[in-house]
Amino acid sequence: MTDHFPKDRFTVWLANYHGVKDISQTIYPADSLMYSIHQCAAEGVYNKLRNKLYSLAFTSLNYKGKVVDPGAFELAIAKKTGDSPYAFVDFESLRFVDGFRDKEFEAAMIKKKKGRWLYMFDGVYYIRGQNVIN
């Protein structure tokens, strides 16, 4: 499609798992083989478009009114933002900051697991939800 409309921008909405740019950055022993041989939808697009693609994940402490099993990342955002209902973290800029560049951390963007999330997505939009962890 981009060959036919080279100057246009596109928005494609996918579940986080399908929108990841490099699933091999996931650290999850129970499924480690799957993550090393599997390719997600956005990976093929990223391989073609490179920096023209911005992959945005969504995460929360609350799903359909229920508290989810958050990762350390979600808990850190909740603590840092206090009562803020929303937050945005731009991973692209963090990739160049000492201490973050090769950071592996736990998040619940694709189930609760560790990974090098800064290379799996370009950013994350956090939605706190209601009646969740303080």
Protein backbone atom coordinates (compact mmCIF):
# COMPACT_ATOMS: atom_id res chain seq x y z
CA MET A 1 0.00 0.00 0.00
CA THR A 2 2.82 2.41 0.80
CA ASP A 3 4.16 1.90 -2.73
CA HIS A 4 0.92 3.34 -4.12
CA PHE A 5 0.67 6.19 -1.58
CA PRO A 6 4.30 7.05 -0.69
CA LYS A 7 3.53 10.48 0.81
CA ASP A 8 0.57 9.38 2.94
CA ARG A 9 0.57 8.33 6.59
CA PHE A 10 -1.34 5.34 7.85
CA THR A 11 -2.77 4.26 11.17
CA VAL A 12 -3.14 0.55 11.78
CA TRP A 13 -4.72 -0.52 15.06
CA LEU A 14 -3.57 -3.92 16.34
CA ALA A 15 -3.44 -5.71 19.66
CA ASN A 16 -0.09 -5.07 21.37
CA TYR A 17 1.17 -8.54 20.52
CA HIS A 18 0.61 -8.02 16.79
CA GLY A 19 1.97 -4.47 16.85
CA VAL A 20 5.35 -5.30 18.35
CA LYS A 21 8.36 -4.43 16.18
CA ASP A 22 10.72 -7.14 17.45
CA ILE A 23 9.12 -9.97 19.45
CA SER A 24 12.51 -11.66 19.90
CA GLN A 25 13.30 -9.04 22.58
CA THR A 26 10.79 -10.83 24.86
CA ILE A 27 12.20 -12.77 27.81
CA TYR A 28 9.71 -15.44 28.80
CA PRO A 29 11.23 -18.87 29.49
CA ALA A 30 7.95 -20.78 29.06
CA ASP A 31 7.59 -19.52 25.46
CA SER A 32 11.15 -18.53 24.58
CA LEU A 33 11.32 -20.68 21.44
CA MET A 34 8.09 -19.20 20.12
CA TYR A 35 9.41 -15.67 20.51
CA SER A 36 12.64 -16.46 18.68
CA ILE A 37 11.00 -18.01 15.58
CA HIS A 38 7.68 -16.13 15.38
CA GLN A 39 7.17 -12.90 13.44
CA CYS A 40 4.38 -10.48 14.37
CA ALA A 41 2.43 -8.40 11.86
CA ALA A 42 4.24 -5.13 12.62
CA GLU A 43 7.67 -6.76 12.27
CA GLY A 44 7.18 -7.24 8.54
CA VAL A 45 6.00 -3.66 8.16
CA TYR A 46 8.90 -2.38 10.28
CA ASN A 47 11.41 -4.32 8.16
CA LYS A 48 10.15 -2.42 5.12
CA LEU A 49 9.42 1.05 6.54
CA ARG A 50 12.02 1.20 9.34
CA ASN A 51 11.84 4.60 11.09
CA LYS A 52 8.67 5.59 9.23
CA LEU A 53 6.76 3.23 11.55
CA TYR A 54 5.83 4.24 15.09
CA SER A 55 4.52 1.32 17.14
CA LEU A 56 2.47 2.41 20.15
CA ALA A 57 1.46 -0.04 22.88
CA PHE A 58 -1.33 0.45 25.41
CA THR A 59 -1.24 -0.71 29.01
CA SER A 60 -3.24 -0.26 32.18
CA LEU A 61 -3.73 -1.32 35.77
CA ASN A 62 -7.40 -1.96 35.10
CA TYR A 63 -9.12 -4.05 32.43
CA LYS A 64 -12.92 -4.07 32.19
CA GLY A 65 -13.17 -2.86 35.78
CA LYS A 66 -10.81 -5.48 37.20
CA VAL A 67 -7.30 -4.95 38.48
CA VAL A 68 -4.88 -6.77 36.21
CA ASP A 69 -1.61 -8.41 37.22
CA PRO A 70 0.59 -5.41 36.43
CA GLY A 71 4.28 -5.54 35.72
CA ALA A 72 6.86 -3.40 37.47
CA PHE A 73 6.62 -0.91 34.59
CA GLU A 74 2.89 -0.27 35.09
CA LEU A 75 3.37 0.01 38.86
CA ALA A 76 6.22 2.50 38.36
CA ILE A 77 4.06 4.67 36.09
CA ALA A 78 1.19 4.54 38.60
CA LYS A 79 3.52 5.60 41.41
CA LYS A 80 5.26 8.33 39.38
CA THR A 81 2.05 9.87 38.00
CA GLY A 82 -0.01 9.66 41.19
CA ASP A 83 -3.66 10.20 40.35
CA SER A 84 -3.11 11.05 36.70
CA PRO A 85 -5.53 9.00 34.61
CA TYR A 86 -3.21 8.87 31.57
CA ALA A 87 0.48 8.91 30.76
CA PHE A 88 2.64 8.59 27.66
CA VAL A 89 6.20 7.26 27.58
CA ASP A 90 8.26 7.79 24.43
CA PHE A 91 10.63 4.84 24.17
CA GLU A 92 12.47 6.29 21.16
CA SER A 93 14.11 9.00 23.25
CA LEU A 94 14.94 6.59 26.11
CA ARG A 95 16.94 4.30 23.78
CA PHE A 96 19.76 6.86 23.85
CA VAL A 97 19.80 7.50 27.61
CA ASP A 98 22.44 5.76 29.73
CA GLY A 99 20.80 3.29 32.07
CA PHE A 100 17.87 2.70 29.72
CA ARG A 101 19.59 1.73 26.45
CA ASP A 102 19.76 -2.02 27.15
CA LYS A 103 17.33 -2.12 30.05
CA GLU A 104 15.24 -5.25 30.50
CA PHE A 105 12.17 -4.73 32.62
CA GLU A 106 8.91 -6.39 33.50
CA ALA A 107 5.71 -5.11 31.90
CA ALA A 108 2.24 -6.41 31.15
CA MET A 109 1.91 -5.03 27.61
CA ILE A 110 1.96 -8.59 26.21
CA LYS A 111 1.12 -10.63 29.28
CA LYS A 112 3.32 -10.08 32.30
CA LYS A 113 6.93 -10.77 31.32
CA LYS A 114 10.37 -9.25 31.02
CA GLY A 115 11.84 -7.93 27.83
CA ARG A 116 13.75 -5.16 26.15
CA TRP A 117 10.53 -3.19 25.66
CA LEU A 118 12.28 -0.09 24.30
CA TYR A 119 12.99 -2.08 21.13
CA MET A 120 9.63 -3.83 20.96
CA PHE A 121 7.61 -0.61 20.78
CA ASP A 122 8.36 3.06 20.17
CA GLY A 123 6.12 4.26 22.96
CA VAL A 124 3.39 3.29 25.36
CA TYR A 125 0.14 4.95 26.36
CA TYR A 126 -0.85 4.20 29.95
CA ILE A 127 -4.45 4.33 31.18
CA ARG A 128 -4.69 4.17 34.95
CA GLY A 129 -8.33 3.10 35.21
CA GLN A 130 -10.58 3.54 38.23
CA ASN A 131 -10.41 2.05 41.71
CA VAL A 132 -6.98 0.54 41.24
CA ILE A 133 -3.72 0.30 43.16
CA ASN A 134 -2.60 3.48 44.96
